C-alpha atoms as a PDB file:
ATOM      1  CA  UNK A   1       0.000   0.000   0.000  1.00  0.00           C
ATOM      2  CA  UNK A   2       1.428   3.353  -1.007  1.00  0.00           C
ATOM      3  CA  UNK A   3       2.247   6.189   1.345  1.00  0.00           C
ATOM      4  CA  UNK A   4      -0.302   8.341  -0.486  1.00  0.00           C
ATOM      5  CA  UNK A   5      -3.149   5.975   0.355  1.00  0.00           C
ATOM      6  CA  UNK A   6      -1.990   5.725   3.962  1.00  0.00           C
ATOM      7  CA  UNK A   7      -2.093   9.527   4.119  1.00  0.00           C
ATOM      8  CA  UNK A   8      -5.530   9.550   2.500  1.00  0.00           C
ATOM      9  CA  UNK A   9      -6.966   6.980   4.919  1.00  0.00           C
ATOM     10  CA  UNK A  10      -5.321   8.450   7.984  1.00  0.00           C
ATOM     11  CA  UNK A  11      -6.028  12.144   7.468  1.00  0.00           C
ATOM     12  CA  UNK A  12      -9.310  11.850   5.621  1.00  0.00           C
ATOM     13  CA  UNK A  13     -11.191   9.403   7.809  1.00  0.00           C
ATOM     14  CA  UNK A  14     -13.248  12.057   9.588  1.00  0.00           C
ATOM     15  CA  UNK A  15     -14.367  13.754   6.376  1.00  0.00           C
ATOM     16  CA  UNK A  16     -15.083  10.431   4.706  1.00  0.00           C
ATOM     17  CA  UNK A  17     -17.223   9.224   7.612  1.00  0.00           C
ATOM     18  CA  UNK A  18     -19.110  12.498   7.991  1.00  0.00           C
ATOM     19  CA  UNK A  19     -19.910  12.819   4.294  1.00  0.00           C
ATOM     20  CA  UNK A  20     -20.536   9.141   3.577  1.00  0.00           C
ATOM     21  CA  UNK A  21     -17.712   9.310   1.035  1.00  0.00           C
ATOM     22  CA  UNK A  22     -16.932   6.106  -0.818  1.00  0.00           C
ATOM     23  CA  UNK A  23     -13.803   5.169  -2.692  1.00  0.00           C
ATOM     24  CA  UNK A  24     -13.935   3.140  -5.895  1.00  0.00           C
ATOM     25  CA  UNK A  25     -11.013   0.985  -7.056  1.00  0.00           C
ATOM     26  CA  UNK A  26      -9.621   1.798 -10.486  1.00  0.00           C
ATOM     27  CA  UNK A  27      -6.985  -0.108 -12.447  1.00  0.00           C
ATOM     28  CA  UNK A  28      -4.902   1.017 -15.404  1.00  0.00           C
ATOM     29  CA  UNK A  29      -2.889  -0.960 -17.939  1.00  0.00           C
ATOM     30  CA  UNK A  30      -0.452   1.080 -20.068  1.00  0.00           C
ATOM     31  CA  UNK A  31      -0.059  -0.746 -23.391  1.00  0.00           C
ATOM     32  CA  UNK A  32       1.502  -0.556 -26.844  1.00  0.00           C
ATOM     33  CA  UNK A  33       0.273  -2.216 -30.019  1.00  0.00           C
ATOM     34  CA  UNK A  34       2.296  -5.156 -31.250  1.00  0.00           C
ATOM     35  CA  UNK A  35       3.790  -5.177 -34.732  1.00  0.00           C
ATOM     36  CA  UNK A  36       1.102  -4.890 -37.427  1.00  0.00           C
ATOM     37  CA  UNK A  37      -1.668  -4.584 -34.836  1.00  0.00           C
ATOM     38  CA  UNK A  38      -3.928  -1.587 -34.273  1.00  0.00           C
ATOM     39  CA  UNK A  39      -7.150  -0.431 -32.643  1.00  0.00           C
ATOM     40  CA  UNK A  40      -9.268  -2.498 -35.015  1.00  0.00           C
ATOM     41  CA  UNK A  41      -7.596  -5.674 -33.788  1.00  0.00           C
ATOM     42  CA  UNK A  42      -8.199  -4.583 -30.212  1.00  0.00           C
ATOM     43  CA  UNK A  43     -11.879  -3.991 -31.001  1.00  0.00           C
ATOM     44  CA  UNK A  44     -12.199  -7.612 -32.131  1.00  0.00           C
ATOM     45  CA  UNK A  45     -10.736  -8.919 -28.885  1.00  0.00           C
ATOM     46  CA  UNK A  46     -12.880  -6.591 -26.779  1.00  0.00           C
ATOM     47  CA  UNK A  47     -15.977  -8.022 -28.478  1.00  0.00           C
ATOM     48  CA  UNK A  48     -14.882 -11.509 -27.396  1.00  0.00           C
ATOM     49  CA  UNK A  49     -14.116 -10.239 -23.911  1.00  0.00           C
ATOM     50  CA  UNK A  50     -17.553  -8.644 -23.544  1.00  0.00           C
ATOM     51  CA  UNK A  51     -19.213 -11.907 -24.570  1.00  0.00           C
ATOM     52  CA  UNK A  52     -17.085 -13.702 -21.972  1.00  0.00           C
ATOM     53  CA  UNK A  53     -18.027 -11.169 -19.265  1.00  0.00           C
ATOM     54  CA  UNK A  54     -21.702 -11.556 -20.176  1.00  0.00           C
ATOM     55  CA  UNK A  55     -21.406 -15.338 -19.918  1.00  0.00           C
ATOM     56  CA  UNK A  56     -20.040 -14.915 -16.387  1.00  0.00           C
ATOM     57  CA  UNK A  57     -22.885 -12.576 -15.445  1.00  0.00           C
ATOM     58  CA  UNK A  58     -20.401  -9.864 -14.495  1.00  0.00           C
ATOM     59  CA  UNK A  59     -22.141  -6.525 -13.930  1.00  0.00           C
ATOM     60  CA  UNK A  60     -19.611  -4.921 -11.568  1.00  0.00           C
ATOM     61  CA  UNK A  61     -16.640  -4.184 -13.861  1.00  0.00           C
ATOM     62  CA  UNK A  62     -16.675  -1.146 -16.156  1.00  0.00           C
ATOM     63  CA  UNK A  63     -13.932  -0.523 -18.718  1.00  0.00           C
ATOM     64  CA  UNK A  64     -12.690   2.156 -21.106  1.00  0.00           C
ATOM     65  CA  UNK A  65      -9.768   2.530 -23.478  1.00  0.00           C
ATOM     66  CA  UNK A  66      -7.891   5.841 -23.537  1.00  0.00           C
ATOM     67  CA  UNK A  67      -5.791   7.208 -26.379  1.00  0.00           C
ATOM     68  CA  UNK A  68      -3.485  10.207 -25.881  1.00  0.00           C
ATOM     69  CA  UNK A  69      -4.534  13.565 -27.333  1.00  0.00           C
ATOM     70  CA  UNK A  70      -2.466  16.210 -25.528  1.00  0.00           C
ATOM     71  CA  UNK A  71       0.623  14.447 -24.177  1.00  0.00           C
ATOM     72  CA  UNK A  72       4.365  14.703 -23.607  1.00  0.00           C
ATOM     73  CA  UNK A  73       7.429  12.525 -24.215  1.00  0.00           C
ATOM     74  CA  UNK A  74       6.895  10.568 -20.996  1.00  0.00           C
ATOM     75  CA  UNK A  75       3.678   8.993 -22.271  1.00  0.00           C
ATOM     76  CA  UNK A  76       5.351   5.984 -23.885  1.00  0.00           C
ATOM     77  CA  UNK A  77       2.262   3.933 -24.722  1.00  0.00           C
ATOM     78  CA  UNK A  78      -0.425   3.726 -27.391  1.00  0.00           C
ATOM     79  CA  UNK A  79      -3.486   2.944 -25.322  1.00  0.00           C
ATOM     80  CA  UNK A  80      -4.568   2.701 -21.689  1.00  0.00           C
ATOM     81  CA  UNK A  81      -7.034   0.127 -20.455  1.00  0.00           C
ATOM     82  CA  UNK A  82      -8.924   1.785 -17.592  1.00  0.00           C
ATOM     83  CA  UNK A  83     -11.389  -0.138 -15.455  1.00  0.00           C
ATOM     84  CA  UNK A  84     -13.375   0.380 -12.267  1.00  0.00           C
ATOM     85  CA  UNK A  85     -15.469  -1.816  -9.985  1.00  0.00           C
ATOM     86  CA  UNK A  86     -18.210  -1.001  -7.504  1.00  0.00           C
ATOM     87  CA  UNK A  87     -15.849  -2.019  -4.693  1.00  0.00           C
ATOM     88  CA  UNK A  88     -12.503  -3.726  -4.163  1.00  0.00           C
ATOM     89  CA  UNK A  89     -14.099  -7.098  -3.391  1.00  0.00           C
ATOM     90  CA  UNK A  90     -15.865  -7.098  -6.760  1.00  0.00           C
ATOM     91  CA  UNK A  91     -12.633  -6.160  -8.529  1.00  0.00           C
ATOM     92  CA  UNK A  92     -10.851  -9.013  -6.781  1.00  0.00           C
ATOM     93  CA  UNK A  93     -13.594 -11.470  -7.711  1.00  0.00           C
ATOM     94  CA  UNK A  94     -13.331 -10.401 -11.353  1.00  0.00           C
ATOM     95  CA  UNK A  95      -9.561 -10.934 -11.241  1.00  0.00           C
ATOM     96  CA  UNK A  96      -9.938 -14.384  -9.657  1.00  0.00           C
ATOM     97  CA  UNK A  97     -12.492 -15.490 -12.254  1.00  0.00           C
ATOM     98  CA  UNK A  98     -10.285 -14.213 -15.102  1.00  0.00           C
ATOM     99  CA  UNK A  99      -7.246 -16.083 -13.814  1.00  0.00           C
ATOM    100  CA  UNK A 100      -9.209 -19.288 -13.297  1.00  0.00           C
ATOM    101  CA  UNK A 101     -10.764 -19.362 -16.773  1.00  0.00           C
ATOM    102  CA  UNK A 102     -10.664 -16.654 -19.443  1.00  0.00           C
ATOM    103  CA  UNK A 103     -11.514 -18.824 -22.464  1.00  0.00           C
ATOM    104  CA  UNK A 104      -8.122 -18.033 -23.993  1.00  0.00           C
ATOM    105  CA  UNK A 105      -9.014 -14.358 -24.381  1.00  0.00           C
ATOM    106  CA  UNK A 106      -5.965 -13.328 -22.358  1.00  0.00           C
ATOM    107  CA  UNK A 107      -3.842 -14.802 -25.147  1.00  0.00           C
ATOM    108  CA  UNK A 108      -5.925 -12.897 -27.710  1.00  0.00           C
ATOM    109  CA  UNK A 109      -5.191  -9.638 -25.890  1.00  0.00           C
ATOM    110  CA  UNK A 110      -1.485 -10.539 -25.738  1.00  0.00           C
ATOM    111  CA  UNK A 111      -1.386 -10.991 -29.509  1.00  0.00           C
ATOM    112  CA  UNK A 112      -2.580  -7.411 -30.008  1.00  0.00           C
ATOM    113  CA  UNK A 113      -1.083  -5.378 -27.153  1.00  0.00           C
ATOM    114  CA  UNK A 114       1.834  -5.538 -24.750  1.00  0.00           C
ATOM    115  CA  UNK A 115       1.191  -3.882 -21.391  1.00  0.00           C
ATOM    116  CA  UNK A 116       4.254  -2.779 -19.447  1.00  0.00           C
ATOM    117  CA  UNK A 117       2.431  -1.176 -16.531  1.00  0.00           C
ATOM    118  CA  UNK A 118      -0.469  -2.188 -14.277  1.00  0.00           C
ATOM    119  CA  UNK A 119      -1.498   0.106 -11.431  1.00  0.00           C
ATOM    120  CA  UNK A 120      -4.385   0.544  -9.007  1.00  0.00           C
ATOM    121  CA  UNK A 121      -5.846   3.733  -7.554  1.00  0.00           C
ATOM    122  CA  UNK A 122      -8.461   4.642  -4.953  1.00  0.00           C
ATOM    123  CA  UNK A 123     -10.845   7.091  -6.632  1.00  0.00           C
ATOM    124  CA  UNK A 124     -12.712   9.800  -4.719  1.00  0.00           C
ATOM    125  CA  UNK A 125     -15.483  11.670  -6.567  1.00  0.00           C
ATOM    126  CA  UNK A 126     -15.803  15.374  -5.756  1.00  0.00           C
ATOM    127  CA  UNK A 127     -18.084  16.489  -8.600  1.00  0.00           C
ATOM    128  CA  UNK A 128     -20.454  14.016 -10.182  1.00  0.00           C
ATOM    129  CA  UNK A 129     -20.909  13.564 -13.891  1.00  0.00           C
ATOM    130  CA  UNK A 130     -24.355  14.457 -15.259  1.00  0.00           C
ATOM    131  CA  UNK A 131     -27.044  11.818 -14.714  1.00  0.00           C
ATOM    132  CA  UNK A 132     -27.921   9.529 -17.583  1.00  0.00           C
ATOM    133  CA  UNK A 133     -26.655   6.479 -19.406  1.00  0.00           C
ATOM    134  CA  UNK A 134     -22.865   6.239 -19.798  1.00  0.00           C
ATOM    135  CA  UNK A 135     -21.660   7.940 -22.950  1.00  0.00           C
ATOM    136  CA  UNK A 136     -19.879   5.840 -25.548  1.00  0.00           C
ATOM    137  CA  UNK A 137     -17.066   8.403 -25.725  1.00  0.00           C
ATOM    138  CA  UNK A 138     -15.640  11.037 -23.400  1.00  0.00           C
ATOM    139  CA  UNK A 139     -12.629  13.283 -22.851  1.00  0.00           C
ATOM    140  CA  UNK A 140     -10.488  12.831 -19.735  1.00  0.00           C
ATOM    141  CA  UNK A 141      -7.748  14.997 -18.271  1.00  0.00           C
ATOM    142  CA  UNK A 142      -5.099  13.843 -15.780  1.00  0.00           C
ATOM    143  CA  UNK A 143      -2.836  16.027 -13.670  1.00  0.00           C
ATOM    144  CA  UNK A 144      -0.369  14.930 -10.978  1.00  0.00           C
ATOM    145  CA  UNK A 145      -0.786  16.863  -7.722  1.00  0.00           C
ATOM    146  CA  UNK A 146       1.249  17.005  -4.515  1.00  0.00           C
ATOM    147  CA  UNK A 147       0.276  18.267  -1.086  1.00  0.00           C
ATOM    148  CA  UNK A 148       2.145  21.354   0.045  1.00  0.00           C
ATOM    149  CA  UNK A 149       3.545  21.529   3.570  1.00  0.00           C
ATOM    150  CA  UNK A 150       0.719  21.748   6.094  1.00  0.00           C
ATOM    151  CA  UNK A 151      -1.975  20.632   3.654  1.00  0.00           C
ATOM    152  CA  UNK A 152      -4.291  17.760   4.548  1.00  0.00           C
ATOM    153  CA  UNK A 153      -6.938  15.603   2.927  1.00  0.00           C
ATOM    154  CA  UNK A 154      -9.634  17.390   4.938  1.00  0.00           C
ATOM    155  CA  UNK A 155      -8.418  20.823   3.839  1.00  0.00           C
ATOM    156  CA  UNK A 156      -8.282  19.752   0.198  1.00  0.00           C
ATOM    157  CA  UNK A 157     -11.740  18.205   0.513  1.00  0.00           C
ATOM    158  CA  UNK A 158     -13.189  21.431   1.888  1.00  0.00           C
ATOM    159  CA  UNK A 159     -11.614  23.407  -0.963  1.00  0.00           C
ATOM    160  CA  UNK A 160     -12.909  20.864  -3.475  1.00  0.00           C
ATOM    161  CA  UNK A 161     -16.456  21.293  -2.183  1.00  0.00           C
ATOM    162  CA  UNK A 162     -16.235  25.042  -2.813  1.00  0.00           C
ATOM    163  CA  UNK A 163     -14.576  24.575  -6.212  1.00  0.00           C
ATOM    164  CA  UNK A 164     -17.132  22.014  -7.344  1.00  0.00           C
ATOM    165  CA  UNK A 165     -19.979  24.312  -6.364  1.00  0.00           C
ATOM    166  CA  UNK A 166     -18.313  27.206  -8.177  1.00  0.00           C
ATOM    167  CA  UNK A 167     -18.043  25.148 -11.359  1.00  0.00           C
ATOM    168  CA  UNK A 168     -21.617  23.901 -11.071  1.00  0.00           C
ATOM    169  CA  UNK A 169     -22.915  27.448 -10.637  1.00  0.00           C
ATOM    170  CA  UNK A 170     -20.877  28.500 -13.686  1.00  0.00           C
ATOM    171  CA  UNK A 171     -22.492  25.770 -15.795  1.00  0.00           C
ATOM    172  CA  UNK A 172     -19.654  23.248 -15.919  1.00  0.00           C
ATOM    173  CA  UNK A 173     -20.665  19.642 -16.627  1.00  0.00           C
ATOM    174  CA  UNK A 174     -17.267  18.169 -15.747  1.00  0.00           C
ATOM    175  CA  UNK A 175     -16.887  15.309 -13.307  1.00  0.00           C
ATOM    176  CA  UNK A 176     -13.927  15.590 -10.934  1.00  0.00           C
ATOM    177  CA  UNK A 177     -12.098  12.735  -9.220  1.00  0.00           C
ATOM    178  CA  UNK A 178      -8.933  12.414  -7.168  1.00  0.00           C
ATOM    179  CA  UNK A 179      -7.037   9.147  -7.570  1.00  0.00           C
ATOM    180  CA  UNK A 180      -4.697   8.035  -4.781  1.00  0.00           C
ATOM    181  CA  UNK A 181      -2.075   5.419  -5.799  1.00  0.00           C
ATOM    182  CA  UNK A 182      -2.427   2.035  -4.112  1.00  0.00           C
ATOM    183  CA  UNK A 183      -0.563  -0.692  -6.033  1.00  0.00           C
ATOM    184  CA  UNK A 184       1.720  -1.098  -9.012  1.00  0.00           C
ATOM    185  CA  UNK A 185       3.546   2.212  -9.016  1.00  0.00           C
ATOM    186  CA  UNK A 186       6.463   2.829  -6.725  1.00  0.00           C
ATOM    187  CA  UNK A 187       8.479   6.001  -6.457  1.00  0.00           C
ATOM    188  CA  UNK A 188       5.569   8.309  -7.246  1.00  0.00           C
ATOM    189  CA  UNK A 189       6.459  11.973  -7.044  1.00  0.00           C
ATOM    190  CA  UNK A 190       2.855  13.040  -6.515  1.00  0.00           C
ATOM    191  CA  UNK A 191       0.164  12.606  -3.859  1.00  0.00           C
ATOM    192  CA  UNK A 192      -2.739  11.935  -6.220  1.00  0.00           C
ATOM    193  CA  UNK A 193      -3.966  12.311  -9.783  1.00  0.00           C
ATOM    194  CA  UNK A 194      -6.589  14.982 -10.444  1.00  0.00           C
ATOM    195  CA  UNK A 195      -8.934  13.567 -13.072  1.00  0.00           C
ATOM    196  CA  UNK A 196     -11.686  15.452 -14.892  1.00  0.00           C
ATOM    197  CA  UNK A 197     -14.216  13.938 -17.290  1.00  0.00           C
ATOM    198  CA  UNK A 198     -16.075  15.736 -20.087  1.00  0.00           C
ATOM    199  CA  UNK A 199     -18.688  14.653 -22.600  1.00  0.00           C
ATOM    200  CA  UNK A 200     -16.780  16.234 -25.496  1.00  0.00           C
ATOM    201  CA  UNK A 201     -13.882  18.464 -26.472  1.00  0.00           C
ATOM    202  CA  UNK A 202     -16.396  21.308 -26.706  1.00  0.00           C
ATOM    203  CA  UNK A 203     -17.267  20.834 -23.017  1.00  0.00           C
ATOM    204  CA  UNK A 204     -13.558  20.719 -22.190  1.00  0.00           C
ATOM    205  CA  UNK A 205     -13.162  23.951 -24.135  1.00  0.00           C
ATOM    206  CA  UNK A 206     -16.046  25.508 -22.215  1.00  0.00           C
ATOM    207  CA  UNK A 207     -14.207  24.950 -18.932  1.00  0.00           C
ATOM    208  CA  UNK A 208     -11.041  26.302 -20.558  1.00  0.00           C
ATOM    209  CA  UNK A 209     -13.000  29.521 -21.195  1.00  0.00           C
ATOM    210  CA  UNK A 210     -14.478  29.557 -17.686  1.00  0.00           C
ATOM    211  CA  UNK A 211     -11.056  29.295 -16.095  1.00  0.00           C
ATOM    212  CA  UNK A 212      -9.345  31.650 -18.536  1.00  0.00           C
ATOM    213  CA  UNK A 213     -11.451  34.482 -19.902  1.00  0.00           C
ATOM    214  CA  UNK A 214     -14.053  33.861 -17.199  1.00  0.00           C
ATOM    215  CA  UNK A 215     -11.332  34.407 -14.560  1.00  0.00           C
ATOM    216  CA  UNK A 216     -12.055  31.110 -12.822  1.00  0.00           C
ATOM    217  CA  UNK A 217      -8.312  30.699 -12.346  1.00  0.00           C
ATOM    218  CA  UNK A 218      -8.502  33.430  -9.696  1.00  0.00           C
ATOM    219  CA  UNK A 219     -10.961  31.435  -7.597  1.00  0.00           C
ATOM    220  CA  UNK A 220      -9.046  28.223  -8.165  1.00  0.00           C
ATOM    221  CA  UNK A 221      -5.808  29.885  -7.101  1.00  0.00           C
ATOM    222  CA  UNK A 222      -7.388  31.272  -3.943  1.00  0.00           C
ATOM    223  CA  UNK A 223      -8.694  27.828  -3.018  1.00  0.00           C
ATOM    224  CA  UNK A 224      -5.695  25.660  -3.897  1.00  0.00           C
ATOM    225  CA  UNK A 225      -2.436  27.576  -4.303  1.00  0.00           C
ATOM    226  CA  UNK A 226      -1.574  27.161  -0.607  1.00  0.00           C
ATOM    227  CA  UNK A 227      -2.583  23.479  -0.599  1.00  0.00           C
ATOM    228  CA  UNK A 228      -1.481  21.845  -3.833  1.00  0.00           C
ATOM    229  CA  UNK A 229       1.110  21.881  -6.579  1.00  0.00           C
ATOM    230  CA  UNK A 230      -0.150  20.311  -9.829  1.00  0.00           C
ATOM    231  CA  UNK A 231       1.480  19.819 -13.207  1.00  0.00           C
ATOM    232  CA  UNK A 232      -0.130  20.522 -16.577  1.00  0.00           C
ATOM    233  CA  UNK A 233      -2.808  18.025 -17.512  1.00  0.00           C
ATOM    234  CA  UNK A 234      -2.650  15.316 -20.152  1.00  0.00           C
ATOM    235  CA  UNK A 235      -5.785  14.870 -22.266  1.00  0.00           C
ATOM    236  CA  UNK A 236      -7.137  11.533 -23.484  1.00  0.00           C
ATOM    237  CA  UNK A 237      -9.973  10.438 -25.720  1.00  0.00           C
ATOM    238  CA  UNK A 238     -11.932   7.758 -23.879  1.00  0.00           C
ATOM    239  CA  UNK A 239     -14.091   5.027 -25.365  1.00  0.00           C
ATOM    240  CA  UNK A 240     -16.461   3.076 -23.165  1.00  0.00           C
ATOM    241  CA  UNK A 241     -15.921  -0.674 -23.549  1.00  0.00           C
ATOM    242  CA  UNK A 242     -18.206  -2.021 -20.844  1.00  0.00           C
ATOM    243  CA  UNK A 243     -20.676  -0.367 -18.496  1.00  0.00           C
ATOM    244  CA  UNK A 244     -21.481  -1.385 -14.929  1.00  0.00           C
ATOM    245  CA  UNK A 245     -23.359  -0.076 -11.927  1.00  0.00           C
ATOM    246  CA  UNK A 246     -20.601   1.397  -9.785  1.00  0.00           C
ATOM    247  CA  UNK A 247     -22.809   2.892  -7.073  1.00  0.00           C
END
């Protein structure tokens, strides 16, 4: 268990209990396409995988694939497999079932992609996505954030409540999550990942305008500059591969 999650559990327990806050487990695989393989080949395997998941009656594991849009030289992968479960027990049960019998689909995945990283995060939702059926596509942003000296989970949570309300009042439809590293990393130089989800690039652009020309950066700075240091965000195009009831 990472130091970041220990900090999260230890300093955030009061806020989590008072607000009924739940964490959701999320896993990421960072992958590259094998020689002469591409997204079309991955689509074929995902179809087989969905049929397998249906045959097992699995309704607790949701999955997306992410492709880089705005990125830097450190993003040395072609696609990310991102998945979430309603709780950590359900994610473990899915993993056990897959290891016991996956109908050879694991080999099918291995023919198309090679994944050199597998990590797990505890996700905390601070601003919910709009109600409705899951969209088939979305836009996600990721930024690495570190606590400044004297900052705490409770203080960040209080600032997030104000920031989320500010965005809601301004018309933002973004969902906001903080992901605390649990397994599979090692040597992280951040406390958590700040994730935002948008229905489209137009909605992402609308928040760009709210923070820029709408002067939202002033409010954000007042709320967070003394608490957090965050790098510039990476932007990914997300495609929903399987839906599940996560709450």
